[in-house]
């Protein structure tokens, strides 16, 4: 450690608190990466849009629940489902590639794929004709566990990344960890 940089052995011998302190001393200040006023404004805008969207959807859901017919003859049914499945396959393939290459983008494609799998199961079960119900049930029995696997795997990756970067107590729930930026 003649040049002031600890060796791997010295870092390995450090306590979690000492490693966290070293990381904090060595990390690049967030202000070097993003102008703080700009980041704060963008954050406020995004949060405002999400809050407004969530509140705005409540009366919309109520309106739909009261006004939509129980059945509806849809146009472009096959194009809609084929297009949805093409997007699902693309996300599944991207998730597999990012997993094989061990890339952080997996934390985006994994949950997105899981959400599409859950949507597919939901719409299959809700729109199926009585004669085809078993096929939808079998499909959902595959899709839903895969979605759970993708979400729990992503949470595990996020936890490992956070532990590696911040070195929090391993018992700290993921939802209590702050954002990097």
C-alpha atoms as a PDB file:
ATOM      1  CA  UNK A   1       0.000   0.000   0.000  1.00  0.00           C
ATOM      2  CA  UNK A   2       2.941   2.285  -0.716  1.00  0.00           C
ATOM      3  CA  UNK A   3       0.958   4.337  -3.274  1.00  0.00           C
ATOM      4  CA  UNK A   4      -2.025   4.775  -0.961  1.00  0.00           C
ATOM      5  CA  UNK A   5      -4.174   2.176  -2.731  1.00  0.00           C
ATOM      6  CA  UNK A   6      -5.080  -0.850  -0.599  1.00  0.00           C
ATOM      7  CA  UNK A   7      -4.363  -4.298  -1.992  1.00  0.00           C
ATOM      8  CA  UNK A   8      -7.070  -6.908  -2.553  1.00  0.00           C
ATOM      9  CA  UNK A   9      -5.908  -8.730   0.576  1.00  0.00           C
ATOM     10  CA  UNK A  10      -6.157  -5.550   2.637  1.00  0.00           C
ATOM     11  CA  UNK A  11      -9.643  -4.842   1.295  1.00  0.00           C
ATOM     12  CA  UNK A  12     -10.726  -8.420   2.031  1.00  0.00           C
ATOM     13  CA  UNK A  13      -9.498  -8.009   5.617  1.00  0.00           C
ATOM     14  CA  UNK A  14     -11.582  -4.853   6.143  1.00  0.00           C
ATOM     15  CA  UNK A  15     -14.852  -4.896   8.024  1.00  0.00           C
ATOM     16  CA  UNK A  16     -18.045  -4.026   6.159  1.00  0.00           C
ATOM     17  CA  UNK A  17     -17.996  -0.572   7.780  1.00  0.00           C
ATOM     18  CA  UNK A  18     -14.389   0.041   6.694  1.00  0.00           C
ATOM     19  CA  UNK A  19     -15.168  -1.087   3.120  1.00  0.00           C
ATOM     20  CA  UNK A  20     -18.258   1.126   3.004  1.00  0.00           C
ATOM     21  CA  UNK A  21     -16.149   4.074   4.202  1.00  0.00           C
ATOM     22  CA  UNK A  22     -13.512   3.346   1.534  1.00  0.00           C
ATOM     23  CA  UNK A  23     -16.163   3.159  -1.186  1.00  0.00           C
ATOM     24  CA  UNK A  24     -17.687   6.450  -0.073  1.00  0.00           C
ATOM     25  CA  UNK A  25     -14.250   8.130  -0.114  1.00  0.00           C
ATOM     26  CA  UNK A  26     -13.439   6.764  -3.585  1.00  0.00           C
ATOM     27  CA  UNK A  27     -16.792   7.132  -5.318  1.00  0.00           C
ATOM     28  CA  UNK A  28     -17.287   9.890  -7.837  1.00  0.00           C
ATOM     29  CA  UNK A  29     -19.560  12.623  -6.464  1.00  0.00           C
ATOM     30  CA  UNK A  30     -23.033  12.532  -7.981  1.00  0.00           C
ATOM     31  CA  UNK A  31     -22.694  16.242  -8.804  1.00  0.00           C
ATOM     32  CA  UNK A  32     -19.883  15.318 -11.222  1.00  0.00           C
ATOM     33  CA  UNK A  33     -22.270  13.038 -13.095  1.00  0.00           C
ATOM     34  CA  UNK A  34     -25.541  14.999 -13.069  1.00  0.00           C
ATOM     35  CA  UNK A  35     -26.312  18.607 -12.239  1.00  0.00           C
ATOM     36  CA  UNK A  36     -28.243  18.350  -8.971  1.00  0.00           C
ATOM     37  CA  UNK A  37     -30.917  20.980  -9.806  1.00  0.00           C
ATOM     38  CA  UNK A  38     -31.623  19.276 -13.139  1.00  0.00           C
ATOM     39  CA  UNK A  39     -31.813  15.834 -11.515  1.00  0.00           C
ATOM     40  CA  UNK A  40     -34.124  17.164  -8.789  1.00  0.00           C
ATOM     41  CA  UNK A  41     -36.438  18.784 -11.356  1.00  0.00           C
ATOM     42  CA  UNK A  42     -36.583  15.622 -13.489  1.00  0.00           C
ATOM     43  CA  UNK A  43     -37.307  13.537 -10.375  1.00  0.00           C
ATOM     44  CA  UNK A  44     -40.151  15.873  -9.323  1.00  0.00           C
ATOM     45  CA  UNK A  45     -41.664  15.774 -12.824  1.00  0.00           C
ATOM     46  CA  UNK A  46     -41.503  11.968 -12.991  1.00  0.00           C
ATOM     47  CA  UNK A  47     -42.961  11.538  -9.509  1.00  0.00           C
ATOM     48  CA  UNK A  48     -45.698  14.067 -10.272  1.00  0.00           C
ATOM     49  CA  UNK A  49     -46.634  12.217 -13.456  1.00  0.00           C
ATOM     50  CA  UNK A  50     -46.811   8.876 -11.632  1.00  0.00           C
ATOM     51  CA  UNK A  51     -48.912  10.307  -8.792  1.00  0.00           C
ATOM     52  CA  UNK A  52     -51.247  12.114 -11.199  1.00  0.00           C
ATOM     53  CA  UNK A  53     -51.520   8.992 -13.356  1.00  0.00           C
ATOM     54  CA  UNK A  54     -52.357   6.784 -10.383  1.00  0.00           C
ATOM     55  CA  UNK A  55     -54.983   9.217  -9.089  1.00  0.00           C
ATOM     56  CA  UNK A  56     -56.379   9.856 -12.582  1.00  0.00           C
ATOM     57  CA  UNK A  57     -56.839   6.156 -13.262  1.00  0.00           C
ATOM     58  CA  UNK A  58     -59.195   5.683 -10.296  1.00  0.00           C
ATOM     59  CA  UNK A  59     -62.205   7.439 -11.873  1.00  0.00           C
ATOM     60  CA  UNK A  60     -61.300   5.945 -15.267  1.00  0.00           C
ATOM     61  CA  UNK A  61     -61.439   2.415 -13.807  1.00  0.00           C
ATOM     62  CA  UNK A  62     -64.777   3.209 -12.196  1.00  0.00           C
ATOM     63  CA  UNK A  63     -66.109   4.532 -15.509  1.00  0.00           C
ATOM     64  CA  UNK A  64     -64.921   1.415 -17.362  1.00  0.00           C
ATOM     65  CA  UNK A  65     -66.395  -0.900 -14.746  1.00  0.00           C
ATOM     66  CA  UNK A  66     -69.804   0.750 -15.163  1.00  0.00           C
ATOM     67  CA  UNK A  67     -69.824   1.323 -18.920  1.00  0.00           C
ATOM     68  CA  UNK A  68     -68.031  -1.527 -20.692  1.00  0.00           C
ATOM     69  CA  UNK A  69     -70.118  -4.327 -22.193  1.00  0.00           C
ATOM     70  CA  UNK A  70     -69.583  -7.859 -20.863  1.00  0.00           C
ATOM     71  CA  UNK A  71     -68.640  -9.045 -24.349  1.00  0.00           C
ATOM     72  CA  UNK A  72     -67.200  -7.289 -27.360  1.00  0.00           C
ATOM     73  CA  UNK A  73     -66.386  -8.278 -30.928  1.00  0.00           C
ATOM     74  CA  UNK A  74     -62.798  -7.062 -31.407  1.00  0.00           C
ATOM     75  CA  UNK A  75     -61.100  -6.077 -34.640  1.00  0.00           C
ATOM     76  CA  UNK A  76     -57.539  -7.113 -35.439  1.00  0.00           C
ATOM     77  CA  UNK A  77     -57.707  -9.794 -32.745  1.00  0.00           C
ATOM     78  CA  UNK A  78     -55.058 -12.016 -34.329  1.00  0.00           C
ATOM     79  CA  UNK A  79     -52.701  -9.097 -35.059  1.00  0.00           C
ATOM     80  CA  UNK A  80     -53.061  -7.916 -31.467  1.00  0.00           C
ATOM     81  CA  UNK A  81     -52.211 -11.306 -29.962  1.00  0.00           C
ATOM     82  CA  UNK A  82     -49.442 -12.115 -32.443  1.00  0.00           C
ATOM     83  CA  UNK A  83     -47.913  -8.673 -31.893  1.00  0.00           C
ATOM     84  CA  UNK A  84     -48.100  -9.100 -28.124  1.00  0.00           C
ATOM     85  CA  UNK A  85     -46.420 -12.500 -28.367  1.00  0.00           C
ATOM     86  CA  UNK A  86     -43.697 -11.104 -30.655  1.00  0.00           C
ATOM     87  CA  UNK A  87     -42.878  -8.468 -28.020  1.00  0.00           C
ATOM     88  CA  UNK A  88     -42.954 -11.172 -25.319  1.00  0.00           C
ATOM     89  CA  UNK A  89     -40.551 -13.387 -27.305  1.00  0.00           C
ATOM     90  CA  UNK A  90     -38.239 -10.410 -27.925  1.00  0.00           C
ATOM     91  CA  UNK A  91     -38.142  -9.602 -24.201  1.00  0.00           C
ATOM     92  CA  UNK A  92     -37.607 -13.248 -23.277  1.00  0.00           C
ATOM     93  CA  UNK A  93     -34.741 -13.498 -25.769  1.00  0.00           C
ATOM     94  CA  UNK A  94     -33.196 -10.239 -24.519  1.00  0.00           C
ATOM     95  CA  UNK A  95     -33.483 -11.466 -20.924  1.00  0.00           C
ATOM     96  CA  UNK A  96     -31.802 -14.745 -21.868  1.00  0.00           C
ATOM     97  CA  UNK A  97     -29.000 -12.944 -23.745  1.00  0.00           C
ATOM     98  CA  UNK A  98     -28.402 -10.476 -20.894  1.00  0.00           C
ATOM     99  CA  UNK A  99     -28.402 -13.383 -18.452  1.00  0.00           C
ATOM    100  CA  UNK A 100     -25.899 -15.354 -20.511  1.00  0.00           C
ATOM    101  CA  UNK A 101     -23.679 -12.281 -20.904  1.00  0.00           C
ATOM    102  CA  UNK A 102     -24.190 -11.328 -17.234  1.00  0.00           C
ATOM    103  CA  UNK A 103     -25.318  -7.780 -18.044  1.00  0.00           C
ATOM    104  CA  UNK A 104     -27.123  -5.339 -15.716  1.00  0.00           C
ATOM    105  CA  UNK A 105     -29.792  -4.681 -18.363  1.00  0.00           C
ATOM    106  CA  UNK A 106     -31.296  -7.939 -17.122  1.00  0.00           C
ATOM    107  CA  UNK A 107     -32.815  -5.935 -14.250  1.00  0.00           C
ATOM    108  CA  UNK A 108     -34.938  -4.121 -16.851  1.00  0.00           C
ATOM    109  CA  UNK A 109     -35.863  -6.936 -19.226  1.00  0.00           C
ATOM    110  CA  UNK A 110     -36.503  -9.546 -16.512  1.00  0.00           C
ATOM    111  CA  UNK A 111     -39.359  -7.736 -14.743  1.00  0.00           C
ATOM    112  CA  UNK A 112     -40.733  -6.433 -18.059  1.00  0.00           C
ATOM    113  CA  UNK A 113     -40.908 -10.015 -19.324  1.00  0.00           C
ATOM    114  CA  UNK A 114     -42.540 -11.091 -16.068  1.00  0.00           C
ATOM    115  CA  UNK A 115     -45.208  -8.404 -16.379  1.00  0.00           C
ATOM    116  CA  UNK A 116     -45.992  -9.442 -19.958  1.00  0.00           C
ATOM    117  CA  UNK A 117     -46.227 -13.093 -18.877  1.00  0.00           C
ATOM    118  CA  UNK A 118     -48.695 -12.139 -16.135  1.00  0.00           C
ATOM    119  CA  UNK A 119     -50.702 -10.004 -18.576  1.00  0.00           C
ATOM    120  CA  UNK A 120     -50.749 -12.858 -21.087  1.00  0.00           C
ATOM    121  CA  UNK A 121     -52.017 -15.294 -18.458  1.00  0.00           C
ATOM    122  CA  UNK A 122     -54.655 -12.803 -17.263  1.00  0.00           C
ATOM    123  CA  UNK A 123     -56.001 -12.006 -20.721  1.00  0.00           C
ATOM    124  CA  UNK A 124     -55.901 -15.659 -21.810  1.00  0.00           C
ATOM    125  CA  UNK A 125     -57.932 -16.698 -18.773  1.00  0.00           C
ATOM    126  CA  UNK A 126     -60.363 -13.771 -18.975  1.00  0.00           C
ATOM    127  CA  UNK A 127     -61.060 -13.917 -22.728  1.00  0.00           C
ATOM    128  CA  UNK A 128     -61.084 -17.668 -23.345  1.00  0.00           C
ATOM    129  CA  UNK A 129     -64.085 -19.525 -24.698  1.00  0.00           C
ATOM    130  CA  UNK A 130     -65.354 -22.276 -22.371  1.00  0.00           C
ATOM    131  CA  UNK A 131     -64.176 -25.053 -24.703  1.00  0.00           C
ATOM    132  CA  UNK A 132     -60.587 -23.749 -24.655  1.00  0.00           C
ATOM    133  CA  UNK A 133     -60.314 -23.039 -20.917  1.00  0.00           C
ATOM    134  CA  UNK A 134     -57.911 -25.931 -20.198  1.00  0.00           C
ATOM    135  CA  UNK A 135     -55.354 -24.639 -22.676  1.00  0.00           C
ATOM    136  CA  UNK A 136     -55.414 -21.233 -20.975  1.00  0.00           C
ATOM    137  CA  UNK A 137     -55.048 -22.838 -17.546  1.00  0.00           C
ATOM    138  CA  UNK A 138     -52.066 -24.914 -18.695  1.00  0.00           C
ATOM    139  CA  UNK A 139     -50.508 -21.833 -20.294  1.00  0.00           C
ATOM    140  CA  UNK A 140     -50.996 -19.781 -17.107  1.00  0.00           C
ATOM    141  CA  UNK A 141     -49.540 -22.648 -15.045  1.00  0.00           C
ATOM    142  CA  UNK A 142     -46.311 -22.195 -17.033  1.00  0.00           C
ATOM    143  CA  UNK A 143     -46.340 -18.397 -17.395  1.00  0.00           C
ATOM    144  CA  UNK A 144     -47.057 -17.417 -13.795  1.00  0.00           C
ATOM    145  CA  UNK A 145     -44.255 -19.462 -12.154  1.00  0.00           C
ATOM    146  CA  UNK A 146     -41.856 -18.188 -14.819  1.00  0.00           C
ATOM    147  CA  UNK A 147     -42.928 -14.617 -14.020  1.00  0.00           C
ATOM    148  CA  UNK A 148     -42.328 -15.237 -10.301  1.00  0.00           C
ATOM    149  CA  UNK A 149     -38.903 -16.699 -11.118  1.00  0.00           C
ATOM    150  CA  UNK A 150     -37.997 -13.635 -13.195  1.00  0.00           C
ATOM    151  CA  UNK A 151     -39.110 -11.187 -10.500  1.00  0.00           C
ATOM    152  CA  UNK A 152     -37.451 -13.003  -7.604  1.00  0.00           C
ATOM    153  CA  UNK A 153     -34.283 -13.424  -9.660  1.00  0.00           C
ATOM    154  CA  UNK A 154     -34.218  -9.711 -10.430  1.00  0.00           C
ATOM    155  CA  UNK A 155     -34.735  -8.828  -6.771  1.00  0.00           C
ATOM    156  CA  UNK A 156     -31.839 -11.145  -5.911  1.00  0.00           C
ATOM    157  CA  UNK A 157     -29.592  -9.466  -8.502  1.00  0.00           C
ATOM    158  CA  UNK A 158     -30.544  -6.010  -7.203  1.00  0.00           C
ATOM    159  CA  UNK A 159     -29.797  -7.111  -3.632  1.00  0.00           C
ATOM    160  CA  UNK A 160     -26.407  -8.573  -4.595  1.00  0.00           C
ATOM    161  CA  UNK A 161     -25.544  -5.427  -6.543  1.00  0.00           C
ATOM    162  CA  UNK A 162     -26.517  -3.227  -3.611  1.00  0.00           C
ATOM    163  CA  UNK A 163     -24.548  -5.346  -1.168  1.00  0.00           C
ATOM    164  CA  UNK A 164     -21.534  -5.252  -3.454  1.00  0.00           C
ATOM    165  CA  UNK A 165     -21.674  -1.500  -4.005  1.00  0.00           C
ATOM    166  CA  UNK A 166     -22.889  -0.254  -0.635  1.00  0.00           C
ATOM    167  CA  UNK A 167     -22.190  -3.177   1.646  1.00  0.00           C
ATOM    168  CA  UNK A 168     -25.371  -2.747   3.717  1.00  0.00           C
ATOM    169  CA  UNK A 169     -26.291  -5.218   6.373  1.00  0.00           C
ATOM    170  CA  UNK A 170     -27.378  -8.389   4.543  1.00  0.00           C
ATOM    171  CA  UNK A 171     -30.626  -8.383   6.549  1.00  0.00           C
ATOM    172  CA  UNK A 172     -31.662  -4.941   5.234  1.00  0.00           C
ATOM    173  CA  UNK A 173     -34.747  -5.341   3.025  1.00  0.00           C
ATOM    174  CA  UNK A 174     -34.261  -4.207  -0.564  1.00  0.00           C
ATOM    175  CA  UNK A 175     -37.129  -1.706  -0.320  1.00  0.00           C
ATOM    176  CA  UNK A 176     -35.231   0.210   2.399  1.00  0.00           C
ATOM    177  CA  UNK A 177     -32.104   0.804   0.285  1.00  0.00           C
ATOM    178  CA  UNK A 178     -31.847   4.275  -1.282  1.00  0.00           C
ATOM    179  CA  UNK A 179     -31.343   4.898  -4.997  1.00  0.00           C
ATOM    180  CA  UNK A 180     -27.767   5.309  -6.208  1.00  0.00           C
ATOM    181  CA  UNK A 181     -28.487   8.750  -7.611  1.00  0.00           C
END
